[in-house]
PDB file of N, CA and C in Angstrom:
ATOM      1  N   UNK A   1       0.805  -1.204  -0.011  1.00  0.00           N
ATOM      2  CA  UNK A   1      -0.024   0.009   0.060  1.00  0.00           C
ATOM      3  C   UNK A   1       0.845   1.243  -0.008  1.00  0.00           C
ATOM      4  N   UNK A   2       1.954   1.265   0.737  1.00  0.00           N
ATOM      5  CA  UNK A   2       2.848   2.416   0.815  1.00  0.00           C
ATOM      6  C   UNK A   2       3.341   2.803  -0.632  1.00  0.00           C
ATOM      7  N   UNK A   3       3.593   1.789  -1.440  1.00  0.00           N
ATOM      8  CA  UNK A   3       4.090   2.116  -2.799  1.00  0.00           C
ATOM      9  C   UNK A   3       3.060   2.975  -3.567  1.00  0.00           C
ATOM     10  N   UNK A   4       1.781   2.682  -3.406  1.00  0.00           N
ATOM     11  CA  UNK A   4       0.751   3.408  -4.056  1.00  0.00           C
ATOM     12  C   UNK A   4       0.898   4.923  -3.733  1.00  0.00           C
ATOM     13  N   UNK A   5       1.118   5.260  -2.478  1.00  0.00           N
ATOM     14  CA  UNK A   5       1.272   6.615  -2.068  1.00  0.00           C
ATOM     15  C   UNK A   5       2.571   7.255  -2.613  1.00  0.00           C
ATOM     16  N   UNK A   6       3.636   6.406  -2.668  1.00  0.00           N
ATOM     17  CA  UNK A   6       4.844   7.016  -3.272  1.00  0.00           C
ATOM     18  C   UNK A   6       4.695   7.229  -4.696  1.00  0.00           C
ATOM     19  N   UNK A   7       4.038   6.375  -5.322  1.00  0.00           N
ATOM     20  CA  UNK A   7       3.753   6.544  -6.783  1.00  0.00           C
ATOM     21  C   UNK A   7       2.881   7.775  -7.035  1.00  0.00           C
ATOM     22  N   UNK A   8       1.879   7.772  -6.295  1.00  0.00           N
ATOM     23  CA  UNK A   8       0.949   8.951  -6.427  1.00  0.00           C
ATOM     24  C   UNK A   8       1.633  10.275  -6.210  1.00  0.00           C
ATOM     25  N   UNK A   9       2.540  10.312  -5.260  1.00  0.00           N
ATOM     26  CA  UNK A   9       3.319  11.507  -5.012  1.00  0.00           C
ATOM     27  C   UNK A   9       4.156  11.959  -6.182  1.00  0.00           C
ATOM     28  N   UNK A  10       4.929  10.937  -6.694  1.00  0.00           N
ATOM     29  CA  UNK A  10       5.766  11.158  -7.857  1.00  0.00           C
ATOM     30  C   UNK A  10       5.019  11.553  -9.038  1.00  0.00           C
ATOM     31  N   UNK A  11       3.863  10.955  -9.343  1.00  0.00           N
ATOM     32  CA  UNK A  11       3.122  11.173 -10.550  1.00  0.00           C
ATOM     33  C   UNK A  11       2.082  12.341 -10.333  1.00  0.00           C
ATOM     34  N   UNK A  12       1.894  12.750  -9.147  1.00  0.00           N
ATOM     35  CA  UNK A  12       0.928  13.845  -8.852  1.00  0.00           C
ATOM     36  C   UNK A  12      -0.493  13.283  -9.086  1.00  0.00           C
ATOM     37  N   UNK A  13      -0.809  12.038  -8.605  1.00  0.00           N
ATOM     38  CA  UNK A  13      -2.097  11.383  -8.787  1.00  0.00           C
ATOM     39  C   UNK A  13      -2.575  11.040  -7.481  1.00  0.00           C
ATOM     40  N   UNK A  14      -3.948  10.849  -7.359  1.00  0.00           N
ATOM     41  CA  UNK A  14      -4.582  10.351  -6.167  1.00  0.00           C
ATOM     42  C   UNK A  14      -4.461   8.878  -6.043  1.00  0.00           C
ATOM     43  N   UNK A  15      -4.718   8.302  -4.899  1.00  0.00           N
ATOM     44  CA  UNK A  15      -4.702   6.797  -4.805  1.00  0.00           C
ATOM     45  C   UNK A  15      -5.761   6.204  -5.752  1.00  0.00           C
ATOM     46  N   UNK A  16      -6.973   6.842  -5.884  1.00  0.00           N
ATOM     47  CA  UNK A  16      -7.933   6.392  -6.637  1.00  0.00           C
ATOM     48  C   UNK A  16      -7.444   6.317  -8.213  1.00  0.00           C
ATOM     49  N   UNK A  17      -6.719   7.339  -8.534  1.00  0.00           N
ATOM     50  CA  UNK A  17      -6.124   7.275  -9.937  1.00  0.00           C
ATOM     51  C   UNK A  17      -5.115   6.213 -10.172  1.00  0.00           C
ATOM     52  N   UNK A  18      -4.293   6.058  -9.063  1.00  0.00           N
ATOM     53  CA  UNK A  18      -3.295   4.989  -9.096  1.00  0.00           C
ATOM     54  C   UNK A  18      -3.933   3.614  -9.193  1.00  0.00           C
ATOM     55  N   UNK A  19      -4.997   3.439  -8.407  1.00  0.00           N
ATOM     56  CA  UNK A  19      -5.755   2.110  -8.434  1.00  0.00           C
ATOM     57  C   UNK A  19      -6.452   1.872  -9.736  1.00  0.00           C
ATOM     58  N   UNK A  20      -6.820   2.958 -10.462  1.00  0.00           N
ATOM     59  CA  UNK A  20      -7.466   2.819 -11.761  1.00  0.00           C
ATOM     60  C   UNK A  20      -6.473   2.552 -12.880  1.00  0.00           C
ATOM     61  N   UNK A  21      -5.249   2.687 -12.562  1.00  0.00           N
ATOM     62  CA  UNK A  21      -4.188   2.447 -13.597  1.00  0.00           C
ATOM     63  C   UNK A  21      -4.138   0.923 -13.947  1.00  0.00           C
ATOM     64  N   UNK A  22      -3.987   0.632 -15.217  1.00  0.00           N
ATOM     65  CA  UNK A  22      -3.839  -0.809 -15.700  1.00  0.00           C
ATOM     66  C   UNK A  22      -2.754  -1.529 -14.899  1.00  0.00           C
ATOM     67  N   UNK A  23      -2.968  -2.715 -14.631  1.00  0.00           N
ATOM     68  CA  UNK A  23      -2.077  -3.558 -13.808  1.00  0.00           C
ATOM     69  C   UNK A  23      -0.682  -3.595 -14.441  1.00  0.00           C
ATOM     70  N   UNK A  24      -0.596  -3.690 -15.828  1.00  0.00           N
ATOM     71  CA  UNK A  24       0.632  -3.682 -16.450  1.00  0.00           C
ATOM     72  C   UNK A  24       1.453  -2.331 -16.257  1.00  0.00           C
ATOM     73  N   UNK A  25       0.824  -1.262 -16.211  1.00  0.00           N
ATOM     74  CA  UNK A  25       1.431   0.069 -15.971  1.00  0.00           C
ATOM     75  C   UNK A  25       1.964   0.129 -14.515  1.00  0.00           C
ATOM     76  N   UNK A  26       1.091  -0.336 -13.599  1.00  0.00           N
ATOM     77  CA  UNK A  26       1.441  -0.313 -12.212  1.00  0.00           C
ATOM     78  C   UNK A  26       2.679  -1.229 -11.954  1.00  0.00           C
ATOM     79  N   UNK A  27       2.642  -2.377 -12.536  1.00  0.00           N
ATOM     80  CA  UNK A  27       3.759  -3.344 -12.417  1.00  0.00           C
ATOM     81  C   UNK A  27       5.047  -2.731 -13.056  1.00  0.00           C
ATOM     82  N   UNK A  28       4.865  -2.055 -14.121  1.00  0.00           N
ATOM     83  CA  UNK A  28       5.968  -1.403 -14.852  1.00  0.00           C
ATOM     84  C   UNK A  28       6.602  -0.396 -13.902  1.00  0.00           C
ATOM     85  N   UNK A  29       5.806   0.474 -13.261  1.00  0.00           N
ATOM     86  CA  UNK A  29       6.292   1.426 -12.340  1.00  0.00           C
ATOM     87  C   UNK A  29       7.050   0.818 -11.178  1.00  0.00           C
ATOM     88  N   UNK A  30       6.448  -0.323 -10.619  1.00  0.00           N
ATOM     89  CA  UNK A  30       7.069  -0.990  -9.513  1.00  0.00           C
ATOM     90  C   UNK A  30       8.433  -1.524  -9.963  1.00  0.00           C
ATOM     91  N   UNK A  31       8.534  -2.075 -11.113  1.00  0.00           N
ATOM     92  CA  UNK A  31       9.847  -2.574 -11.600  1.00  0.00           C
ATOM     93  C   UNK A  31      10.844  -1.385 -11.760  1.00  0.00           C
ATOM     94  N   UNK A  32      10.377  -0.369 -12.310  1.00  0.00           N
ATOM     95  CA  UNK A  32      11.275   0.875 -12.507  1.00  0.00           C
ATOM     96  C   UNK A  32      11.901   1.335 -11.162  1.00  0.00           C
ATOM     97  N   UNK A  33      11.044   1.476 -10.169  1.00  0.00           N
ATOM     98  CA  UNK A  33      11.484   1.908  -8.858  1.00  0.00           C
ATOM     99  C   UNK A  33      12.397   0.897  -8.226  1.00  0.00           C
ATOM    100  N   UNK A  34      12.146  -0.432  -8.365  1.00  0.00           N
ATOM    101  CA  UNK A  34      12.983  -1.441  -7.811  1.00  0.00           C
ATOM    102  C   UNK A  34      14.386  -1.309  -8.536  1.00  0.00           C
ATOM    103  N   UNK A  35      14.357  -1.186  -9.876  1.00  0.00           N
ATOM    104  CA  UNK A  35      15.581  -1.011 -10.513  1.00  0.00           C
ATOM    105  C   UNK A  35      16.424   0.196 -10.049  1.00  0.00           C
ATOM    106  N   UNK A  36      15.664   1.257  -9.877  1.00  0.00           N
ATOM    107  CA  UNK A  36      16.414   2.579  -9.417  1.00  0.00           C
ATOM    108  C   UNK A  36      16.942   2.293  -8.028  1.00  0.00           C
ATOM    109  N   UNK A  37      16.239   1.627  -7.111  1.00  0.00           N
ATOM    110  CA  UNK A  37      16.747   1.334  -5.799  1.00  0.00           C
ATOM    111  C   UNK A  37      18.026   0.400  -5.922  1.00  0.00           C
ATOM    112  N   UNK A  38      17.950  -0.552  -6.676  1.00  0.00           N
ATOM    113  CA  UNK A  38      19.111  -1.462  -6.803  1.00  0.00           C
ATOM    114  C   UNK A  38      20.336  -0.760  -7.362  1.00  0.00           C
ATOM    115  N   UNK A  39      20.131   0.117  -8.296  1.00  0.00           N
ATOM    116  CA  UNK A  39      21.215   1.021  -8.843  1.00  0.00           C
ATOM    117  C   UNK A  39      21.849   1.854  -7.807  1.00  0.00           C
ATOM    118  N   UNK A  40      20.895   2.522  -7.020  1.00  0.00           N
ATOM    119  CA  UNK A  40      21.394   3.364  -5.882  1.00  0.00           C
ATOM    120  C   UNK A  40      22.192   2.523  -4.831  1.00  0.00           C
ATOM    121  N   UNK A  41      21.678   1.428  -4.564  1.00  0.00           N
ATOM    122  CA  UNK A  41      22.483   0.587  -3.530  1.00  0.00           C
ATOM    123  C   UNK A  41      23.792   0.202  -4.121  1.00  0.00           C
ATOM    124  N   UNK A  42      23.857  -0.129  -5.385  1.00  0.00           N
ATOM    125  CA  UNK A  42      25.109  -0.555  -6.073  1.00  0.00           C
ATOM    126  C   UNK A  42      26.098   0.565  -6.037  1.00  0.00           C
ATOM    127  N   UNK A  43      25.652   1.869  -6.366  1.00  0.00           N
ATOM    128  CA  UNK A  43      26.590   2.930  -6.375  1.00  0.00           C
ATOM    129  C   UNK A  43      26.984   3.266  -4.956  1.00  0.00           C
ATOM    130  N   UNK A  44      26.108   3.138  -4.006  1.00  0.00           N
ATOM    131  CA  UNK A  44      26.535   3.292  -2.554  1.00  0.00           C
ATOM    132  C   UNK A  44      27.605   2.374  -2.204  1.00  0.00           C
ATOM    133  N   UNK A  45      27.439   1.088  -2.579  1.00  0.00           N
ATOM    134  CA  UNK A  45      28.418   0.064  -2.275  1.00  0.00           C
ATOM    135  C   UNK A  45      29.788   0.382  -2.927  1.00  0.00           C
ATOM    136  N   UNK A  46      29.775   0.810  -4.142  1.00  0.00           N
ATOM    137  CA  UNK A  46      30.999   1.217  -4.870  1.00  0.00           C
ATOM    138  C   UNK A  46      31.669   2.436  -4.140  1.00  0.00           C
ATOM    139  N   UNK A  47      30.903   3.373  -3.771  1.00  0.00           N
ATOM    140  CA  UNK A  47      31.469   4.547  -3.052  1.00  0.00           C
ATOM    141  C   UNK A  47      32.020   4.140  -1.732  1.00  0.00           C
ATOM    142  N   UNK A  48      31.404   3.232  -0.942  1.00  0.00           N
ATOM    143  CA  UNK A  48      31.872   2.764   0.218  1.00  0.00           C
ATOM    144  C   UNK A  48      33.239   1.959   0.088  1.00  0.00           C
ATOM    145  N   UNK A  49      33.241   1.131  -0.969  1.00  0.00           N
ATOM    146  CA  UNK A  49      34.471   0.338  -1.233  1.00  0.00           C
ATOM    147  C   UNK A  49      35.632   1.307  -1.625  1.00  0.00           C
ATOM    148  N   UNK A  50      35.302   2.367  -2.413  1.00  0.00           N
ATOM    149  CA  UNK A  50      36.330   3.293  -2.766  1.00  0.00           C
ATOM    150  C   UNK A  50      36.832   4.019  -1.523  1.00  0.00           C
ATOM    151  N   UNK A  51      35.973   4.454  -0.620  1.00  0.00           N
ATOM    152  CA  UNK A  51      36.304   5.115   0.578  1.00  0.00           C
ATOM    153  C   UNK A  51      37.207   4.209   1.470  1.00  0.00           C
ATOM    154  N   UNK A  52      36.842   2.972   1.577  1.00  0.00           N
ATOM    155  CA  UNK A  52      37.688   1.984   2.340  1.00  0.00           C
ATOM    156  C   UNK A  52      38.996   1.788   1.707  1.00  0.00           C
ATOM    157  N   UNK A  53      39.047   1.712   0.443  1.00  0.00           N
ATOM    158  CA  UNK A  53      40.294   1.500  -0.296  1.00  0.00           C
ATOM    159  C   UNK A  53      41.281   2.751  -0.150  1.00  0.00           C
ATOM    160  N   UNK A  54      40.576   3.895  -0.172  1.00  0.00           N
ATOM    161  CA  UNK A  54      41.408   5.119  -0.019  1.00  0.00           C
ATOM    162  C   UNK A  54      42.031   5.159   1.279  1.00  0.00           C
ATOM    163  N   UNK A  55      41.350   4.650   2.369  1.00  0.00           N
ATOM    164  CA  UNK A  55      41.889   4.647   3.711  1.00  0.00           C
ATOM    165  C   UNK A  55      42.968   3.607   3.867  1.00  0.00           C
ATOM    166  N   UNK A  56      42.894   2.590   3.043  1.00  0.00           N
ATOM    167  CA  UNK A  56      43.957   1.512   3.073  1.00  0.00           C
ATOM    168  C   UNK A  56      45.069   1.704   2.133  1.00  0.00           C
ATOM    169  N   UNK A  57      45.052   2.751   1.301  1.00  0.00           N
ATOM    170  CA  UNK A  57      46.047   3.062   0.378  1.00  0.00           C
ATOM    171  C   UNK A  57      45.931   2.421  -0.980  1.00  0.00           C
ATOM    172  N   UNK A  58      44.887   1.509  -1.181  1.00  0.00           N
ATOM    173  CA  UNK A  58      44.718   0.850  -2.437  1.00  0.00           C
ATOM    174  C   UNK A  58      44.181   1.901  -3.509  1.00  0.00           C
ATOM    175  N   UNK A  59      44.530   1.591  -4.739  1.00  0.00           N
ATOM    176  CA  UNK A  59      44.179   2.551  -5.777  1.00  0.00           C
ATOM    177  C   UNK A  59      43.115   1.811  -6.687  1.00  0.00           C
ATOM    178  N   UNK A  60      42.049   2.590  -7.028  1.00  0.00           N
ATOM    179  CA  UNK A  60      41.000   2.072  -7.999  1.00  0.00           C
ATOM    180  C   UNK A  60      41.187   2.708  -9.321  1.00  0.00           C
ATOM    181  N   UNK A  61      40.750   2.060 -10.356  1.00  0.00           N
ATOM    182  CA  UNK A  61      40.700   2.680 -11.619  1.00  0.00           C
ATOM    183  C   UNK A  61      41.697   2.079 -12.539  1.00  0.00           C
ATOM    184  N   UNK A  62      42.693   1.318 -11.939  1.00  0.00           N
ATOM    185  CA  UNK A  62      43.657   0.683 -12.770  1.00  0.00           C
ATOM    186  C   UNK A  62      43.152  -0.711 -13.285  1.00  0.00           C
ATOM    187  N   UNK A  63      44.089  -1.503 -13.493  1.00  0.00           N
ATOM    188  CA  UNK A  63      43.699  -2.938 -13.872  1.00  0.00           C
ATOM    189  C   UNK A  63      42.958  -3.596 -12.759  1.00  0.00           C
ATOM    190  N   UNK A  64      41.826  -4.146 -13.007  1.00  0.00           N
ATOM    191  CA  UNK A  64      41.077  -4.928 -12.054  1.00  0.00           C
ATOM    192  C   UNK A  64      40.379  -4.063 -11.051  1.00  0.00           C
ATOM    193  N   UNK A  65      40.517  -2.697 -11.163  1.00  0.00           N
ATOM    194  CA  UNK A  65      39.818  -1.840 -10.120  1.00  0.00           C
ATOM    195  C   UNK A  65      38.423  -1.462 -10.518  1.00  0.00           C
ATOM    196  N   UNK A  66      37.932  -0.586  -9.853  1.00  0.00           N
ATOM    197  CA  UNK A  66      36.581  -0.103 -10.027  1.00  0.00           C
ATOM    198  C   UNK A  66      36.627   0.943 -11.151  1.00  0.00           C
TER     199      UNK A  66
END
């Protein structure tokens, strides 16, 4: 249910409008936001790994690096 509110906020639509949306469109939006969250988490993990490596003196960007 919370996702409906989040989607409504992003699209500027009411819950009634979100619930009237075709299931395929709703599922597509859910997949889109899941993808975005996974990408955000991946970028966060990369940034943390780079920060840890910087503290340890390792260098990224060369062969086999990030």
